């Protein structure tokens, strides 16, 4: 339970908000790239 309390407190800091925004942007780019590549491969293979 202490781990979650520590994580919650960390997420309230400005650094955590900045980190979360960076991770969300990176995850979105990875997901979008995988989707585009998947569509290209699917159309090329069909």
Protein backbone atom coordinates (compact mmCIF):
# COMPACT_ATOMS: atom_id res chain seq x y z
CA UNK A 1 0.00 0.00 0.00
CA UNK A 2 2.91 2.35 0.67
CA UNK A 3 4.07 1.95 -2.92
CA UNK A 4 0.78 3.32 -4.27
CA UNK A 5 0.83 6.23 -1.81
CA UNK A 6 4.36 7.11 -2.92
CA UNK A 7 3.35 6.85 -6.58
CA UNK A 8 0.29 9.04 -5.99
CA UNK A 9 2.41 11.66 -4.24
CA UNK A 10 4.96 11.57 -7.05
CA UNK A 11 2.27 12.05 -9.69
CA UNK A 12 1.25 15.29 -7.97
CA UNK A 13 4.66 16.90 -8.62
CA UNK A 14 5.44 19.11 -11.64
CA UNK A 15 8.21 16.71 -12.74
CA UNK A 16 5.77 13.81 -12.81
CA UNK A 17 3.29 15.78 -14.92
CA UNK A 18 6.08 16.58 -17.35
CA UNK A 19 7.25 12.95 -17.43
CA UNK A 20 3.69 11.67 -17.91
CA UNK A 21 3.18 14.05 -20.82
CA UNK A 22 6.43 12.84 -22.42
CA UNK A 23 5.51 9.17 -21.94
CA UNK A 24 2.02 9.75 -23.35
CA UNK A 25 3.47 11.48 -26.41
CA UNK A 26 6.00 8.68 -26.95
CA UNK A 27 3.35 5.99 -26.52
CA UNK A 28 1.07 7.75 -28.98
CA UNK A 29 3.83 7.99 -31.57
CA UNK A 30 4.69 4.31 -31.16
CA UNK A 31 1.03 3.30 -31.48
CA UNK A 32 0.47 5.52 -34.52
CA UNK A 33 3.62 4.22 -36.22
CA UNK A 34 2.65 0.60 -35.58
CA UNK A 35 -0.84 1.28 -36.95
CA UNK A 36 0.49 2.91 -40.13
CA UNK A 37 3.05 0.16 -40.73
CA UNK A 38 0.37 -2.48 -40.09
CA UNK A 39 -1.95 -0.88 -42.62
CA UNK A 40 0.82 -0.62 -45.23
CA UNK A 41 1.85 -4.24 -44.76
CA UNK A 42 -1.76 -5.41 -44.83
CA UNK A 43 -2.49 -3.61 -48.12
CA UNK A 44 0.82 -4.68 -49.65
CA UNK A 45 0.30 -8.35 -48.71
CA UNK A 46 -3.31 -8.44 -49.95
